[in-house]
Every structure is written in structure tokens, then in C-alpha cells.
Amino acid sequence: MADGLNRILGDSPGRVIVKLLVVSIVVGFIMSVLGFTPYDLIYGVRDFVVDLWRSGFAALGRVGDYLLIGAAVVIPAFIIIRLFSYRR
């Protein structure tokens, strides 16, 4: 069992815990110095996704506008062409 756990973690559980603690302290210190909090990261990711969502639908709205403008010309032209070819 211990050999399988060592293989999953990459080292003994005690050493992995110590490494994670040291890295957590270093990263926490750096984030504190730079003025970041975990909430800033979470809200930043959330805002990124929301902005991407909104701009994506705005792009789809523009595509819809292009579709309507094009359809205003293409569909009547198609109907006229079909009517003239129907009489043949």
C-alpha cells in the first residue's frame, strides 16, 4: 500500500507534505507582497469568463445582423429566380 501511495505522490507522504507547506508559504508571501488574494484570482477568472461570454454573444449578434441583411437580398432574389425557372 505504501509503495502505491509513494508512486502516486512521487515521494513519501511526509516529504510531499513538507514540500507543499514550503511552497505554500513562499507563494503566499509573494502573493501578499504583490497584493493578491485568492479571491482576486477567483474573481479575475470569473470576470474573464463573463466578459468572454458577453463578447461571444455580441459577436453572435453581429453575425445575426449580417444574416438578416444578407437574407433581405438573397431570399427575394432566390424566390424570383425560382419563379422564372418554374415557368420553363
N, C-alpha and C. Protein backbone atom coordinates (compact mmCIF):
# COMPACT_ATOMS: atom_id res chain seq x y z
N MET A 1 0.83 -1.19 0.00
CA MET A 1 0.00 0.00 0.00
C MET A 1 0.88 1.25 0.00
N ALA A 2 1.90 1.28 0.84
CA ALA A 2 2.77 2.45 0.92
C ALA A 2 3.51 2.67 -0.39
N ASP A 3 3.90 1.57 -1.06
CA ASP A 3 4.62 1.71 -2.33
C ASP A 3 3.71 2.33 -3.39
N GLY A 4 2.43 1.95 -3.41
CA GLY A 4 1.49 2.53 -4.36
C GLY A 4 1.25 4.00 -4.07
N LEU A 5 1.17 4.36 -2.79
CA LEU A 5 0.98 5.77 -2.40
C LEU A 5 2.21 6.59 -2.78
N ASN A 6 3.38 6.03 -2.57
CA ASN A 6 4.61 6.73 -2.97
C ASN A 6 4.66 6.95 -4.48
N ARG A 7 4.18 5.96 -5.22
CA ARG A 7 4.18 6.08 -6.67
C ARG A 7 3.20 7.17 -7.11
N ILE A 8 2.03 7.26 -6.47
CA ILE A 8 1.04 8.28 -6.82
C ILE A 8 1.55 9.67 -6.47
N LEU A 9 2.11 9.83 -5.27
CA LEU A 9 2.56 11.15 -4.81
C LEU A 9 3.92 11.54 -5.38
N GLY A 10 4.70 10.58 -5.80
CA GLY A 10 6.03 10.87 -6.32
C GLY A 10 7.11 10.85 -5.26
N ASP A 11 6.76 10.70 -4.00
CA ASP A 11 7.71 10.67 -2.89
C ASP A 11 6.94 10.15 -1.68
N SER A 12 7.61 10.09 -0.55
CA SER A 12 6.91 9.64 0.66
C SER A 12 5.90 10.71 1.08
N PRO A 13 4.80 10.31 1.72
CA PRO A 13 3.77 11.28 2.10
C PRO A 13 4.32 12.41 2.98
N GLY A 14 5.21 12.10 3.91
CA GLY A 14 5.77 13.13 4.79
C GLY A 14 6.55 14.18 4.02
N ARG A 15 7.38 13.72 3.08
CA ARG A 15 8.18 14.66 2.30
C ARG A 15 7.30 15.51 1.38
N VAL A 16 6.25 14.91 0.84
CA VAL A 16 5.33 15.65 -0.02
C VAL A 16 4.62 16.73 0.78
N ILE A 17 4.20 16.42 2.00
CA ILE A 17 3.53 17.41 2.85
C ILE A 17 4.47 18.56 3.17
N VAL A 18 5.72 18.25 3.50
CA VAL A 18 6.70 19.30 3.81
C VAL A 18 6.94 20.18 2.59
N LYS A 19 7.09 19.56 1.42
CA LYS A 19 7.32 20.33 0.19
C LYS A 19 6.13 21.25 -0.10
N LEU A 20 4.92 20.71 0.06
CA LEU A 20 3.73 21.52 -0.19
C LEU A 20 3.62 22.67 0.79
N LEU A 21 3.97 22.44 2.04
CA LEU A 21 3.94 23.51 3.04
C LEU A 21 4.93 24.62 2.70
N VAL A 22 6.15 24.24 2.33
CA VAL A 22 7.18 25.23 2.00
C VAL A 22 6.76 26.05 0.77
N VAL A 23 6.29 25.37 -0.26
CA VAL A 23 5.87 26.08 -1.48
C VAL A 23 4.68 26.97 -1.18
N SER A 24 3.75 26.51 -0.35
CA SER A 24 2.58 27.31 0.01
C SER A 24 2.99 28.58 0.75
N ILE A 25 3.95 28.47 1.64
CA ILE A 25 4.42 29.66 2.38
C ILE A 25 5.08 30.65 1.43
N VAL A 26 5.92 30.15 0.52
CA VAL A 26 6.62 31.03 -0.42
C VAL A 26 5.61 31.72 -1.34
N VAL A 27 4.68 30.96 -1.91
CA VAL A 27 3.69 31.54 -2.81
C VAL A 27 2.79 32.52 -2.05
N GLY A 28 2.39 32.17 -0.83
CA GLY A 28 1.57 33.07 -0.02
C GLY A 28 2.28 34.37 0.28
N PHE A 29 3.59 34.30 0.58
CA PHE A 29 4.37 35.51 0.84
C PHE A 29 4.45 36.38 -0.40
N ILE A 30 4.73 35.78 -1.54
CA ILE A 30 4.84 36.54 -2.79
C ILE A 30 3.50 37.19 -3.14
N MET A 31 2.42 36.43 -2.99
CA MET A 31 1.10 37.00 -3.29
C MET A 31 0.76 38.14 -2.34
N SER A 32 1.15 38.01 -1.08
CA SER A 32 0.90 39.06 -0.10
C SER A 32 1.68 40.32 -0.44
N VAL A 33 2.93 40.16 -0.84
CA VAL A 33 3.76 41.31 -1.21
C VAL A 33 3.17 42.01 -2.44
N LEU A 34 2.68 41.23 -3.40
CA LEU A 34 2.11 41.81 -4.62
C LEU A 34 0.68 42.30 -4.44
N GLY A 35 0.08 42.00 -3.30
CA GLY A 35 -1.26 42.47 -3.01
C GLY A 35 -2.37 41.62 -3.58
N PHE A 36 -2.07 40.40 -3.92
CA PHE A 36 -3.08 39.49 -4.44
C PHE A 36 -3.67 38.66 -3.32
N THR A 37 -4.94 38.33 -3.47
CA THR A 37 -5.58 37.38 -2.56
C THR A 37 -6.18 36.26 -3.41
N PRO A 38 -6.49 35.14 -2.81
CA PRO A 38 -7.13 34.08 -3.59
C PRO A 38 -8.45 34.54 -4.20
N TYR A 39 -9.16 35.44 -3.50
CA TYR A 39 -10.41 35.96 -4.05
C TYR A 39 -10.17 36.77 -5.32
N ASP A 40 -9.05 37.50 -5.38
CA ASP A 40 -8.72 38.24 -6.59
C ASP A 40 -8.55 37.30 -7.77
N LEU A 41 -7.90 36.18 -7.55
CA LEU A 41 -7.72 35.21 -8.62
C LEU A 41 -9.05 34.60 -9.05
N ILE A 42 -9.89 34.26 -8.08
CA ILE A 42 -11.19 33.66 -8.40
C ILE A 42 -12.05 34.66 -9.14
N TYR A 43 -12.12 35.91 -8.65
CA TYR A 43 -12.93 36.92 -9.31
C TYR A 43 -12.36 37.28 -10.68
N GLY A 44 -11.05 37.25 -10.81
CA GLY A 44 -10.43 37.52 -12.12
C GLY A 44 -10.82 36.47 -13.14
N VAL A 45 -10.78 35.22 -12.75
CA VAL A 45 -11.18 34.14 -13.67
C VAL A 45 -12.67 34.27 -13.99
N ARG A 46 -13.47 34.54 -12.96
CA ARG A 46 -14.91 34.69 -13.18
C ARG A 46 -15.21 35.85 -14.12
N ASP A 47 -14.57 36.99 -13.90
CA ASP A 47 -14.79 38.16 -14.77
C ASP A 47 -14.34 37.88 -16.19
N PHE A 48 -13.24 37.15 -16.34
CA PHE A 48 -12.76 36.78 -17.66
C PHE A 48 -13.79 35.94 -18.41
N VAL A 49 -14.35 34.95 -17.72
CA VAL A 49 -15.35 34.07 -18.35
C VAL A 49 -16.61 34.86 -18.68
N VAL A 50 -17.04 35.74 -17.78
CA VAL A 50 -18.25 36.54 -18.03
C VAL A 50 -18.03 37.48 -19.21
N ASP A 51 -16.88 38.15 -19.27
CA ASP A 51 -16.59 39.05 -20.39
C ASP A 51 -16.51 38.27 -21.70
N LEU A 52 -15.90 37.10 -21.66
CA LEU A 52 -15.82 36.27 -22.85
C LEU A 52 -17.21 35.83 -23.29
N TRP A 53 -18.06 35.49 -22.34
CA TRP A 53 -19.43 35.08 -22.62
C TRP A 53 -20.20 36.22 -23.29
N ARG A 54 -20.09 37.42 -22.70
CA ARG A 54 -20.82 38.57 -23.24
C ARG A 54 -20.31 38.96 -24.62
N SER A 55 -19.00 39.01 -24.79
CA SER A 55 -18.46 39.40 -26.09
C SER A 55 -18.73 38.31 -27.12
N GLY A 56 -18.80 37.07 -26.70
CA GLY A 56 -19.14 35.99 -27.63
C GLY A 56 -20.55 36.14 -28.15
N PHE A 57 -21.50 36.46 -27.26
CA PHE A 57 -22.87 36.66 -27.71
C PHE A 57 -23.01 37.95 -28.50
N ALA A 58 -22.19 38.94 -28.20
CA ALA A 58 -22.21 40.16 -29.00
C ALA A 58 -21.75 39.85 -30.42
N ALA A 59 -20.74 38.99 -30.55
CA ALA A 59 -20.28 38.59 -31.88
C ALA A 59 -21.36 37.81 -32.60
N LEU A 60 -22.06 36.95 -31.87
CA LEU A 60 -23.16 36.21 -32.49
C LEU A 60 -24.27 37.16 -32.92
N GLY A 61 -24.50 38.22 -32.14
CA GLY A 61 -25.49 39.22 -32.51
C GLY A 61 -25.11 39.92 -33.80
N ARG A 62 -23.83 40.22 -33.96
CA ARG A 62 -23.37 40.85 -35.21
C ARG A 62 -23.54 39.88 -36.37
N VAL A 63 -23.25 38.61 -36.15
CA VAL A 63 -23.45 37.62 -37.21
C VAL A 63 -24.93 37.54 -37.56
N GLY A 64 -25.78 37.62 -36.56
CA GLY A 64 -27.22 37.63 -36.82
C GLY A 64 -27.64 38.84 -37.65
N ASP A 65 -27.05 40.00 -37.35
CA ASP A 65 -27.33 41.20 -38.15
C ASP A 65 -26.91 40.99 -39.60
N TYR A 66 -25.71 40.42 -39.80
CA TYR A 66 -25.24 40.17 -41.16
C TYR A 66 -26.16 39.18 -41.87
N LEU A 67 -26.64 38.20 -41.12
CA LEU A 67 -27.54 37.21 -41.70
C LEU A 67 -28.84 37.86 -42.16
N LEU A 68 -29.41 38.72 -41.33
CA LEU A 68 -30.66 39.38 -41.69
C LEU A 68 -30.49 40.32 -42.88
N ILE A 69 -29.39 41.07 -42.90
CA ILE A 69 -29.14 41.99 -44.01
C ILE A 69 -28.97 41.21 -45.30
N GLY A 70 -28.20 40.14 -45.25
CA GLY A 70 -27.99 39.32 -46.45
C GLY A 70 -29.27 38.62 -46.88
N ALA A 71 -30.05 38.15 -45.92
CA ALA A 71 -31.29 37.44 -46.25
C ALA A 71 -32.29 38.38 -46.90
N ALA A 72 -32.25 39.65 -46.54
CA ALA A 72 -33.17 40.62 -47.14
C ALA A 72 -32.93 40.74 -48.64
N VAL A 73 -31.74 40.43 -49.10
CA VAL A 73 -31.44 40.49 -50.53
C VAL A 73 -31.52 39.10 -51.17
N VAL A 74 -30.98 38.12 -50.51
CA VAL A 74 -30.83 36.79 -51.10
C VAL A 74 -32.17 36.07 -51.25
N ILE A 75 -33.01 36.12 -50.24
CA ILE A 75 -34.26 35.35 -50.28
C ILE A 75 -35.21 35.88 -51.36
N PRO A 76 -35.43 37.19 -51.47
CA PRO A 76 -36.27 37.64 -52.60
C PRO A 76 -35.65 37.29 -53.96
N ALA A 77 -34.32 37.40 -54.07
CA ALA A 77 -33.67 37.04 -55.33
C ALA A 77 -33.86 35.56 -55.62
N PHE A 78 -33.75 34.72 -54.62
CA PHE A 78 -33.95 33.28 -54.78
C PHE A 78 -35.38 32.99 -55.23
N ILE A 79 -36.35 33.65 -54.61
CA ILE A 79 -37.75 33.43 -54.96
C ILE A 79 -38.01 33.86 -56.40
N ILE A 80 -37.47 35.00 -56.81
CA ILE A 80 -37.65 35.47 -58.18
C ILE A 80 -37.01 34.50 -59.17
N ILE A 81 -35.81 34.05 -58.88
CA ILE A 81 -35.13 33.09 -59.76
C ILE A 81 -35.92 31.80 -59.86
N ARG A 82 -36.44 31.31 -58.75
CA ARG A 82 -37.23 30.07 -58.76
C ARG A 82 -38.53 30.25 -59.55
N LEU A 83 -39.15 31.41 -59.43
CA LEU A 83 -40.38 31.65 -60.18
C LEU A 83 -40.12 31.67 -61.69
N PHE A 84 -39.03 32.31 -62.11
CA PHE A 84 -38.71 32.35 -63.53
C PHE A 84 -38.31 30.98 -64.05
N SER A 85 -37.61 30.19 -63.26
CA SER A 85 -37.21 28.86 -63.71
C SER A 85 -38.37 27.86 -63.64
N TYR A 86 -39.41 28.15 -62.86
CA TYR A 86 -40.57 27.27 -62.73
C TYR A 86 -41.40 27.28 -64.01
N ARG A 87 -41.46 28.41 -64.68
CA ARG A 87 -42.28 28.56 -65.87
C ARG A 87 -41.67 27.84 -67.08
N ARG A 88 -40.45 27.46 -67.01
CA ARG A 88 -39.81 26.77 -68.14
C ARG A 88 -40.24 25.38 -68.24
